[in-house]
Structures are given as C-alpha cells and as structure tokens.
C-alpha cells in the first residue's frame, strides 16, 4: 500500500488483534523499498514478546534532514541516524496502550545495509527490533547494558530467521580485471 509522503496511514482494523501490536505509520519520504505494516508489526511483536498484544507503536519514516535535526535536538549529535526511539509517558502508556514512537530514516538504513553487506530487509528488522527494545527500557549507554541489549536482539532476530547482525559479513571476492 502506498501513501503520499506526510500522510498518516490508518492502521487496519484487525492490526491490534491477537499478539500483533497496532502500528501507526507516517511516511515523510518517497522511493525505495519499505517494509509493509504487517512486517513492522511482526518484527515489533517479536521484540515485545508477551507485551505485544493491545500495544501501539507509531513509526515515522523521515528523510536525512529531519533525522539529523531530531538527532541533534534530542541526542546532541549533529548527524542523521538510522532509528530514534521516543517512549510514551507512563500515564499515556497505561491509558491507551501507546508504547511510543520510532523515527526511522530509510536513507541511512539503506546506506548502512549496503556498507555492511546485509540484506535491506534484515537490517530493517534489526533496527525495528532495536528501537522497540529501547521503548521497553533497554539501552546501550554502558557496556554491560549494551551486551544485554545485543543478546536480546540476536535472540529475537534468530526467531525471525535473521542471522546475528553483529557478525560482519564476509568481504566479497574481487574479480580479476
């Protein structure tokens, strides 16, 4: 399903049913492959586990300029980033089931996937899982916390059939000229 940039795409009626969380999707970018709402919900549900049912996450897809501005404002880093997580206030979470917002920059994500020689879909899944774990309170500010978060990401991604994202891909063999 395609929507014009900036348009809020309403979630399907059954998206929150069962174990899948409801995914609100806002696209502020055009072009390139983007995962479906169902894929986003599946990846998020894998990260959330039992907490997925009756939850909602808003995913905002932005361009490089907006990613850079948000990263500078909220993290003090004046460069675009792949994913930002904004947890909902505890009261809002209890009242509505809103877990928070993920802001993803597909341009940065695709560039990283190419540089790391990973399939784009696998890198998307990794960053959605990573962002969802941040919404649950995981972080990587300290080495011990980073190892804990990475172990969880690796386990979750394995259930989705995606290899360990922290193992470097083997370099491609160069062909003789």
N, C-alpha and C. Protein backbone atom coordinates (compact mmCIF):
# COMPACT_ATOMS: atom_id res chain seq x y z
N UNK A 1 0.85 -1.17 0.00
CA UNK A 1 0.00 0.00 0.00
C UNK A 1 0.89 1.22 0.00
N UNK A 2 0.65 2.16 -0.85
CA UNK A 2 1.47 3.35 -0.94
C UNK A 2 0.64 4.56 -0.53
N UNK A 3 1.29 5.48 0.14
CA UNK A 3 0.62 6.70 0.56
C UNK A 3 1.50 7.88 0.21
N UNK A 4 0.89 9.03 0.06
CA UNK A 4 1.69 10.21 -0.26
C UNK A 4 2.54 10.56 0.96
N UNK A 5 3.73 11.13 0.75
CA UNK A 5 4.59 11.48 1.87
C UNK A 5 3.86 12.43 2.82
N UNK A 6 4.03 12.17 4.10
CA UNK A 6 3.41 13.01 5.11
C UNK A 6 2.01 12.59 5.49
N UNK A 7 1.46 11.64 4.75
CA UNK A 7 0.10 11.21 5.06
C UNK A 7 0.13 10.16 6.16
N UNK A 8 -0.75 10.29 7.11
CA UNK A 8 -0.86 9.26 8.15
C UNK A 8 -1.70 8.14 7.55
N UNK A 9 -1.18 6.95 7.61
CA UNK A 9 -1.85 5.79 7.06
C UNK A 9 -2.56 5.10 8.21
N UNK A 10 -3.89 5.06 8.19
CA UNK A 10 -4.61 4.45 9.31
C UNK A 10 -4.32 2.96 9.40
N UNK A 11 -4.21 2.44 10.62
CA UNK A 11 -3.96 1.00 10.76
C UNK A 11 -5.18 0.20 10.37
N UNK A 12 -4.97 -1.00 9.85
CA UNK A 12 -6.12 -1.84 9.54
C UNK A 12 -6.85 -2.21 10.83
N UNK A 13 -8.14 -2.46 10.73
CA UNK A 13 -8.97 -2.70 11.91
C UNK A 13 -8.47 -3.85 12.76
N UNK A 14 -7.95 -4.89 12.15
CA UNK A 14 -7.55 -6.06 12.93
C UNK A 14 -6.09 -6.03 13.36
N UNK A 15 -5.38 -4.95 13.12
CA UNK A 15 -3.94 -4.93 13.42
C UNK A 15 -3.64 -5.18 14.88
N UNK A 16 -4.48 -4.72 15.80
CA UNK A 16 -4.20 -4.91 17.21
C UNK A 16 -4.72 -6.24 17.75
N UNK A 17 -5.42 -6.98 16.92
CA UNK A 17 -5.98 -8.25 17.36
C UNK A 17 -4.88 -9.28 17.54
N UNK A 18 -5.10 -10.23 18.41
CA UNK A 18 -4.11 -11.27 18.64
C UNK A 18 -2.88 -10.71 19.32
N UNK A 19 -1.73 -11.18 18.89
CA UNK A 19 -0.48 -10.79 19.53
C UNK A 19 0.23 -9.66 18.82
N UNK A 20 -0.23 -9.24 17.67
CA UNK A 20 0.47 -8.17 16.95
C UNK A 20 0.08 -6.81 17.51
N UNK A 21 1.06 -5.95 17.70
CA UNK A 21 0.73 -4.59 18.13
C UNK A 21 0.14 -3.81 16.97
N UNK A 22 -0.55 -2.73 17.28
CA UNK A 22 -1.04 -1.83 16.25
C UNK A 22 0.12 -0.93 15.84
N UNK A 23 0.30 -0.77 14.54
CA UNK A 23 1.37 0.09 14.02
C UNK A 23 0.74 1.28 13.32
N UNK A 24 0.97 2.46 13.87
CA UNK A 24 0.60 3.70 13.19
C UNK A 24 1.77 4.06 12.30
N UNK A 25 1.54 4.36 11.06
CA UNK A 25 2.62 4.61 10.12
C UNK A 25 2.48 5.98 9.47
N UNK A 26 3.54 6.77 9.54
CA UNK A 26 3.57 8.08 8.90
C UNK A 26 4.79 8.10 7.99
N UNK A 27 4.55 8.31 6.71
CA UNK A 27 5.64 8.33 5.72
C UNK A 27 5.91 9.75 5.28
N UNK A 28 7.13 10.19 5.52
CA UNK A 28 7.57 11.52 5.08
C UNK A 28 8.65 11.42 4.02
N UNK A 29 8.75 10.26 3.41
CA UNK A 29 9.77 10.00 2.40
C UNK A 29 9.13 9.28 1.22
N UNK A 30 9.82 9.35 0.09
CA UNK A 30 9.40 8.64 -1.12
C UNK A 30 10.52 7.74 -1.60
N UNK A 31 10.13 6.78 -2.39
CA UNK A 31 11.10 5.95 -3.09
C UNK A 31 11.76 4.91 -2.22
N UNK A 32 12.30 3.92 -2.90
CA UNK A 32 12.99 2.84 -2.21
C UNK A 32 12.02 1.86 -1.60
N UNK A 33 12.52 0.69 -1.33
CA UNK A 33 11.70 -0.36 -0.72
C UNK A 33 11.44 -0.02 0.73
N UNK A 34 10.20 -0.21 1.16
CA UNK A 34 9.81 -0.04 2.56
C UNK A 34 9.06 -1.28 3.00
N UNK A 35 9.26 -1.72 4.23
CA UNK A 35 8.52 -2.89 4.71
C UNK A 35 7.03 -2.58 4.84
N UNK A 36 6.23 -3.60 4.82
CA UNK A 36 4.80 -3.43 4.99
C UNK A 36 4.48 -3.20 6.46
N UNK A 37 3.30 -2.70 6.73
CA UNK A 37 2.85 -2.53 8.11
C UNK A 37 2.85 -3.88 8.84
N UNK A 38 2.47 -4.93 8.15
CA UNK A 38 2.44 -6.27 8.73
C UNK A 38 3.85 -6.71 9.16
N UNK A 39 4.84 -6.45 8.30
CA UNK A 39 6.22 -6.80 8.66
C UNK A 39 6.68 -6.00 9.88
N UNK A 40 6.38 -4.71 9.89
CA UNK A 40 6.74 -3.87 11.05
C UNK A 40 6.10 -4.43 12.32
N UNK A 41 4.83 -4.82 12.23
CA UNK A 41 4.12 -5.36 13.39
C UNK A 41 4.73 -6.69 13.83
N UNK A 42 5.08 -7.53 12.88
CA UNK A 42 5.68 -8.83 13.21
C UNK A 42 7.03 -8.66 13.89
N UNK A 43 7.87 -7.77 13.37
CA UNK A 43 9.18 -7.54 13.97
C UNK A 43 9.04 -6.93 15.37
N UNK A 44 8.10 -5.99 15.50
CA UNK A 44 7.86 -5.36 16.80
C UNK A 44 7.33 -6.38 17.79
N UNK A 45 6.39 -7.21 17.38
CA UNK A 45 5.83 -8.24 18.26
C UNK A 45 6.91 -9.20 18.74
N UNK A 46 7.83 -9.55 17.86
CA UNK A 46 8.92 -10.44 18.26
C UNK A 46 9.76 -9.80 19.36
N UNK A 47 10.00 -8.51 19.26
CA UNK A 47 10.79 -7.80 20.28
C UNK A 47 10.02 -7.66 21.58
N UNK A 48 8.72 -7.39 21.48
CA UNK A 48 7.91 -7.14 22.68
C UNK A 48 7.50 -8.41 23.41
N UNK A 49 7.45 -9.53 22.68
CA UNK A 49 7.04 -10.78 23.29
C UNK A 49 5.60 -10.70 23.78
N UNK A 50 5.36 -11.16 25.02
CA UNK A 50 4.00 -11.17 25.58
C UNK A 50 3.41 -9.78 25.72
N UNK A 51 4.24 -8.77 25.74
CA UNK A 51 3.75 -7.39 25.90
C UNK A 51 3.20 -6.80 24.61
N UNK A 52 3.21 -7.55 23.50
CA UNK A 52 2.81 -7.02 22.20
C UNK A 52 1.31 -6.75 22.07
N UNK A 53 0.50 -7.64 22.63
CA UNK A 53 -0.95 -7.52 22.48
C UNK A 53 -1.44 -6.23 23.12
N UNK A 54 -2.38 -5.60 22.46
CA UNK A 54 -3.02 -4.38 22.95
C UNK A 54 -2.05 -3.20 23.04
N UNK A 55 -0.95 -3.24 22.31
CA UNK A 55 0.01 -2.14 22.31
C UNK A 55 -0.02 -1.43 20.97
N UNK A 56 0.41 -0.19 20.98
CA UNK A 56 0.50 0.59 19.75
C UNK A 56 1.85 1.29 19.70
N UNK A 57 2.43 1.28 18.51
CA UNK A 57 3.67 2.00 18.25
C UNK A 57 3.47 2.80 16.98
N UNK A 58 3.90 4.03 17.00
CA UNK A 58 3.86 4.86 15.80
C UNK A 58 5.24 4.84 15.16
N UNK A 59 5.29 4.55 13.86
CA UNK A 59 6.54 4.54 13.11
C UNK A 59 6.50 5.71 12.14
N UNK A 60 7.47 6.59 12.28
CA UNK A 60 7.59 7.76 11.42
C UNK A 60 8.81 7.57 10.53
N UNK A 61 8.62 7.57 9.22
CA UNK A 61 9.71 7.42 8.27
C UNK A 61 10.08 8.81 7.76
N UNK A 62 11.34 9.20 7.98
CA UNK A 62 11.78 10.57 7.66
C UNK A 62 13.00 10.57 6.75
N UNK A 63 13.26 11.73 6.18
CA UNK A 63 14.44 11.94 5.36
C UNK A 63 15.65 12.29 6.21
N UNK A 64 16.77 12.45 5.53
CA UNK A 64 18.05 12.70 6.20
C UNK A 64 18.02 14.00 6.99
N UNK A 65 17.47 15.07 6.42
CA UNK A 65 17.46 16.36 7.13
C UNK A 65 16.68 16.28 8.44
N UNK A 66 15.52 15.66 8.40
CA UNK A 66 14.70 15.56 9.61
C UNK A 66 15.36 14.65 10.64
N UNK A 67 15.97 13.57 10.20
CA UNK A 67 16.68 12.67 11.10
C UNK A 67 17.82 13.40 11.79
N UNK A 68 18.55 14.17 11.02
CA UNK A 68 19.67 14.94 11.59
C UNK A 68 19.16 15.95 12.62
N UNK A 69 18.10 16.66 12.29
CA UNK A 69 17.56 17.67 13.20
C UNK A 69 17.08 17.03 14.51
N UNK A 70 16.38 15.92 14.42
CA UNK A 70 15.89 15.24 15.62
C UNK A 70 17.05 14.67 16.45
N UNK A 71 18.03 14.10 15.77
CA UNK A 71 19.18 13.54 16.47
C UNK A 71 19.96 14.65 17.19
N UNK A 72 20.10 15.81 16.55
CA UNK A 72 20.80 16.95 17.18
C UNK A 72 20.00 17.46 18.38
N UNK A 73 18.70 17.57 18.21
CA UNK A 73 17.88 18.12 19.29
C UNK A 73 17.78 17.21 20.51
N UNK A 74 17.58 15.92 20.27
CA UNK A 74 17.31 15.00 21.38
C UNK A 74 18.53 14.21 21.87
N UNK A 75 19.56 14.11 21.03
CA UNK A 75 20.73 13.34 21.45
C UNK A 75 22.02 14.15 21.39
N UNK A 76 21.93 15.39 20.89
CA UNK A 76 23.12 16.23 20.82
C UNK A 76 24.13 15.78 19.79
N UNK A 77 23.69 15.03 18.79
CA UNK A 77 24.57 14.53 17.74
C UNK A 77 24.11 15.11 16.41
N UNK A 78 24.93 15.96 15.83
CA UNK A 78 24.55 16.69 14.62
C UNK A 78 24.83 15.88 13.36
N UNK A 79 24.14 14.76 13.25
CA UNK A 79 24.22 13.91 12.06
C UNK A 79 22.96 13.05 12.00
N UNK A 80 22.60 12.62 10.81
CA UNK A 80 21.42 11.76 10.71
C UNK A 80 21.71 10.41 11.36
N UNK A 81 20.67 9.75 11.78
CA UNK A 81 20.82 8.43 12.39
C UNK A 81 19.79 7.47 11.82
N UNK A 82 19.97 6.20 12.07
CA UNK A 82 19.09 5.19 11.49
C UNK A 82 17.73 5.12 12.20
N UNK A 83 17.74 5.11 13.55
CA UNK A 83 16.49 4.99 14.30
C UNK A 83 16.59 5.77 15.60
N UNK A 84 15.50 6.42 15.95
CA UNK A 84 15.35 7.10 17.23
C UNK A 84 14.10 6.54 17.89
N UNK A 85 14.15 6.39 19.20
CA UNK A 85 13.01 5.87 19.96
C UNK A 85 12.55 6.90 20.96
N UNK A 86 11.25 7.10 21.03
CA UNK A 86 10.65 8.03 21.96
C UNK A 86 9.57 7.30 22.76
N UNK A 87 9.92 6.82 23.95
CA UNK A 87 8.92 6.12 24.77
C UNK A 87 7.77 7.04 25.16
N UNK A 88 6.58 6.47 25.24
CA UNK A 88 5.40 7.23 25.68
C UNK A 88 5.52 7.50 27.18
N UNK A 89 4.89 8.55 27.62
CA UNK A 89 4.83 8.83 29.05
C UNK A 89 4.08 7.69 29.73
N UNK A 90 4.48 7.30 30.94
CA UNK A 90 3.83 6.16 31.61
C UNK A 90 2.31 6.26 31.69
N UNK A 91 1.79 7.44 31.95
CA UNK A 91 0.34 7.60 32.04
C UNK A 91 -0.32 7.33 30.69
N UNK A 92 0.27 7.84 29.61
CA UNK A 92 -0.28 7.61 28.27
C UNK A 92 -0.22 6.13 27.92
N UNK A 93 0.87 5.48 28.32
CA UNK A 93 1.01 4.06 28.03
C UNK A 93 -0.08 3.25 28.73
N UNK A 94 -0.31 3.54 29.97
CA UNK A 94 -1.35 2.81 30.71
C UNK A 94 -2.74 3.09 30.15
N UNK A 95 -3.00 4.35 29.82
CA UNK A 95 -4.35 4.74 29.38
C UNK A 95 -4.68 4.23 27.97
N UNK A 96 -3.71 4.27 27.08
CA UNK A 96 -4.02 3.97 25.68
C UNK A 96 -3.32 2.76 25.11
N UNK A 97 -2.30 2.25 25.79
CA UNK A 97 -1.52 1.15 25.23
C UNK A 97 -0.42 1.63 24.32
N UNK A 98 -0.29 2.96 24.15
CA UNK A 98 0.76 3.50 23.30
C UNK A 98 2.11 3.27 23.97
N UNK A 99 2.98 2.54 23.30
CA UNK A 99 4.30 2.26 23.84
C UNK A 99 5.28 3.38 23.51
N UNK A 100 5.11 4.00 22.34
CA UNK A 100 5.98 5.10 21.95
C UNK A 100 6.10 5.21 20.45
N UNK A 101 7.07 6.02 20.03
CA UNK A 101 7.30 6.30 18.62
C UNK A 101 8.69 5.85 18.20
N UNK A 102 8.78 5.33 16.99
CA UNK A 102 10.07 5.05 16.36
C UNK A 102 10.19 5.98 15.16
N UNK A 103 11.31 6.66 15.04
CA UNK A 103 11.59 7.51 13.88
C UNK A 103 12.72 6.82 13.13
N UNK A 104 12.45 6.43 11.90
CA UNK A 104 13.42 5.70 11.10
C UNK A 104 13.75 6.49 9.83
N UNK A 105 15.04 6.55 9.52
CA UNK A 105 15.49 7.20 8.29
C UNK A 105 15.89 6.12 7.29
N UNK A 106 15.02 5.80 6.33
CA UNK A 106 15.32 4.74 5.37
C UNK A 106 16.61 4.98 4.57
N UNK A 107 16.94 6.24 4.29
CA UNK A 107 18.16 6.52 3.52
C UNK A 107 19.39 6.08 4.29
N UNK A 108 19.45 6.41 5.57
CA UNK A 108 20.58 5.99 6.41
C UNK A 108 20.58 4.47 6.55
N UNK A 109 19.42 3.91 6.79
CA UNK A 109 19.29 2.46 6.95
C UNK A 109 19.80 1.73 5.70
N UNK A 110 19.39 2.16 4.52
CA UNK A 110 19.82 1.50 3.29
C UNK A 110 21.33 1.63 3.08
N UNK A 111 21.89 2.81 3.38
CA UNK A 111 23.33 3.02 3.23
C UNK A 111 24.11 2.08 4.17
N UNK A 112 23.61 1.94 5.40
CA UNK A 112 24.26 1.03 6.35
C UNK A 112 24.19 -0.41 5.86
N UNK A 113 23.03 -0.81 5.38
CA UNK A 113 22.87 -2.19 4.90
C UNK A 113 23.86 -2.47 3.76
N UNK A 114 23.98 -1.52 2.83
CA UNK A 114 24.94 -1.70 1.73
C UNK A 114 26.36 -1.79 2.27
N UNK A 115 26.74 -0.86 3.14
CA UNK A 115 28.10 -0.83 3.68
C UNK A 115 28.43 -2.09 4.46
N UNK A 116 27.44 -2.65 5.14
CA UNK A 116 27.64 -3.85 5.96
C UNK A 116 27.35 -5.13 5.19
N UNK A 117 27.00 -4.98 3.92
CA UNK A 117 26.69 -6.12 3.05
C UNK A 117 25.60 -7.01 3.65
N UNK A 118 24.54 -6.36 4.11
CA UNK A 118 23.40 -7.07 4.69
C UNK A 118 22.19 -6.83 3.80
N UNK A 119 21.27 -7.79 3.75
CA UNK A 119 20.02 -7.54 3.03
C UNK A 119 19.25 -6.41 3.71
N UNK A 120 18.65 -5.54 2.93
CA UNK A 120 17.91 -4.40 3.48
C UNK A 120 16.81 -4.87 4.44
N UNK A 121 16.09 -5.91 4.10
CA UNK A 121 15.01 -6.41 4.94
C UNK A 121 15.55 -6.84 6.31
N UNK A 122 16.69 -7.51 6.35
CA UNK A 122 17.29 -7.94 7.61
C UNK A 122 17.70 -6.73 8.46
N UNK A 123 18.24 -5.71 7.81
CA UNK A 123 18.66 -4.52 8.56
C UNK A 123 17.44 -3.75 9.07
N UNK A 124 16.39 -3.68 8.27
CA UNK A 124 15.13 -3.08 8.73
C UNK A 124 14.63 -3.80 9.98
N UNK A 125 14.58 -5.13 9.91
CA UNK A 125 14.09 -5.91 11.04
C UNK A 125 14.95 -5.65 12.28
N UNK A 126 16.26 -5.62 12.09
CA UNK A 126 17.16 -5.37 13.22
C UNK A 126 16.87 -4.01 13.85
N UNK A 127 16.73 -2.99 13.06
CA UNK A 127 16.54 -1.65 13.62
C UNK A 127 15.16 -1.47 14.23
N UNK A 128 14.15 -2.14 13.71
CA UNK A 128 12.82 -2.08 14.33
C UNK A 128 12.87 -2.80 15.68
N UNK A 129 13.51 -3.96 15.73
CA UNK A 129 13.67 -4.68 16.99
C UNK A 129 14.47 -3.82 17.97
N UNK A 130 15.56 -3.24 17.51
CA UNK A 130 16.41 -2.39 18.34
C UNK A 130 15.60 -1.23 18.93
N UNK A 131 14.85 -0.55 18.08
CA UNK A 131 14.04 0.57 18.54
C UNK A 131 12.95 0.14 19.51
N UNK A 132 12.31 -0.98 19.24
CA UNK A 132 11.26 -1.48 20.14
C UNK A 132 11.84 -1.83 21.51
N UNK A 133 13.04 -2.39 21.53
CA UNK A 133 13.67 -2.69 22.81
C UNK A 133 13.97 -1.42 23.60
N UNK A 134 14.36 -0.35 22.89
CA UNK A 134 14.54 0.94 23.57
C UNK A 134 13.22 1.38 24.22
N UNK A 135 12.11 1.17 23.52
CA UNK A 135 10.81 1.56 24.09
C UNK A 135 10.48 0.76 25.34
N UNK A 136 11.06 -0.42 25.47
CA UNK A 136 10.85 -1.25 26.67
C UNK A 136 11.83 -0.89 27.79
N UNK A 137 12.77 0.02 27.49
CA UNK A 137 13.71 0.44 28.52
C UNK A 137 15.14 -0.05 28.35
N UNK A 138 15.39 -0.85 27.34
CA UNK A 138 16.76 -1.29 27.07
C UNK A 138 17.57 -0.09 26.58
N UNK A 139 18.87 -0.08 26.90
CA UNK A 139 19.75 0.94 26.31
C UNK A 139 21.15 0.37 26.16
N UNK A 140 22.02 1.17 25.58
CA UNK A 140 23.39 0.72 25.34
C UNK A 140 24.39 1.81 25.72
N UNK A 141 24.05 2.56 26.76
CA UNK A 141 24.94 3.63 27.23
C UNK A 141 26.15 3.07 27.97
N UNK A 142 25.98 1.93 28.61
CA UNK A 142 27.07 1.29 29.34
C UNK A 142 27.34 -0.08 28.73
N UNK A 143 28.59 -0.52 28.77
CA UNK A 143 28.98 -1.77 28.13
C UNK A 143 28.12 -2.96 28.56
N UNK A 144 27.84 -3.07 29.84
CA UNK A 144 27.03 -4.19 30.33
C UNK A 144 25.61 -4.16 29.74
N UNK A 145 25.02 -2.96 29.71
CA UNK A 145 23.69 -2.80 29.14
C UNK A 145 23.70 -3.08 27.64
N UNK A 146 24.76 -2.66 26.96
CA UNK A 146 24.88 -2.89 25.52
C UNK A 146 24.93 -4.39 25.22
N UNK A 147 25.72 -5.12 26.00
CA UNK A 147 25.80 -6.58 25.79
C UNK A 147 24.44 -7.24 26.02
N UNK A 148 23.74 -6.80 27.06
CA UNK A 148 22.41 -7.35 27.35
C UNK A 148 21.45 -7.09 26.19
N UNK A 149 21.47 -5.86 25.69
CA UNK A 149 20.57 -5.49 24.59
C UNK A 149 20.93 -6.28 23.33
N UNK A 150 22.22 -6.40 23.03
CA UNK A 150 22.63 -7.15 21.84
C UNK A 150 22.23 -8.61 21.93
N UNK A 151 22.39 -9.22 23.10
CA UNK A 151 21.98 -10.62 23.26
C UNK A 151 20.49 -10.77 22.98
N UNK A 152 19.70 -9.84 23.49
CA UNK A 152 18.25 -9.90 23.25
C UNK A 152 17.93 -9.72 21.77
N UNK A 153 18.58 -8.76 21.12
CA UNK A 153 18.37 -8.54 19.68
C UNK A 153 18.70 -9.81 18.89
N UNK A 154 19.83 -10.41 19.20
CA UNK A 154 20.26 -11.61 18.48
C UNK A 154 19.23 -12.73 18.65
N UNK A 155 18.74 -12.93 19.88
CA UNK A 155 17.72 -13.97 20.13
C UNK A 155 16.44 -13.69 19.36
N UNK A 156 15.98 -12.45 19.42
CA UNK A 156 14.73 -12.08 18.74
C UNK A 156 14.89 -12.27 17.23
N UNK A 157 15.98 -11.77 16.68
CA UNK A 157 16.19 -11.88 15.24
C UNK A 157 16.31 -13.33 14.80
N UNK A 158 16.92 -14.17 15.63
CA UNK A 158 17.02 -15.59 15.30
C UNK A 158 15.63 -16.20 15.15
N UNK A 159 14.67 -15.78 16.00
CA UNK A 159 13.30 -16.32 15.88
C UNK A 159 12.65 -15.88 14.57
N UNK A 160 13.16 -14.79 14.00
CA UNK A 160 12.63 -14.29 12.72
C UNK A 160 13.41 -14.84 11.53
N UNK A 161 14.39 -15.70 11.80
CA UNK A 161 15.19 -16.28 10.72
C UNK A 161 16.26 -15.34 10.20
N UNK A 162 16.67 -14.37 11.01
CA UNK A 162 17.67 -13.38 10.60
C UNK A 162 18.95 -13.64 11.38
N UNK A 163 20.09 -13.73 10.67
CA UNK A 163 21.35 -14.02 11.36
C UNK A 163 21.81 -12.88 12.26
N UNK A 164 22.76 -13.20 13.12
CA UNK A 164 23.34 -12.24 14.05
C UNK A 164 23.81 -10.99 13.30
N UNK A 165 23.23 -9.82 13.58
CA UNK A 165 23.60 -8.61 12.84
C UNK A 165 24.95 -8.04 13.26
N UNK A 166 25.51 -8.55 14.36
CA UNK A 166 26.78 -8.03 14.84
C UNK A 166 27.98 -8.79 14.29
N UNK A 167 27.73 -9.83 13.54
CA UNK A 167 28.81 -10.52 12.84
C UNK A 167 29.00 -9.85 11.51
N UNK A 168 30.21 -9.50 11.22
CA UNK A 168 30.49 -8.83 9.95
C UNK A 168 30.33 -9.81 8.80
N UNK A 169 29.76 -9.32 7.72
CA UNK A 169 29.62 -10.13 6.52
C UNK A 169 31.01 -10.34 5.92
N UNK A 170 31.19 -11.49 5.33
CA UNK A 170 32.48 -11.76 4.67
C UNK A 170 32.64 -10.82 3.50
N UNK A 171 33.84 -10.28 3.32
CA UNK A 171 34.03 -9.37 2.18
C UNK A 171 33.81 -10.11 0.87
N UNK A 172 33.28 -9.41 -0.08
CA UNK A 172 33.04 -10.00 -1.38
C UNK A 172 34.38 -10.18 -2.10
N UNK A 173 34.51 -11.31 -2.77
CA UNK A 173 35.74 -11.57 -3.50
C UNK A 173 35.83 -10.60 -4.68
N UNK A 174 37.01 -10.07 -4.88
CA UNK A 174 37.23 -9.17 -6.02
C UNK A 174 37.48 -10.01 -7.26
N UNK A 175 36.89 -9.58 -8.32
CA UNK A 175 37.11 -10.29 -9.59
C UNK A 175 38.31 -9.69 -10.28
N UNK A 176 39.11 -10.53 -10.87
CA UNK A 176 40.27 -10.00 -11.60
C UNK A 176 39.81 -9.14 -12.78
N UNK A 177 40.58 -8.12 -13.04
CA UNK A 177 40.23 -7.18 -14.13
C UNK A 177 40.46 -7.77 -15.47
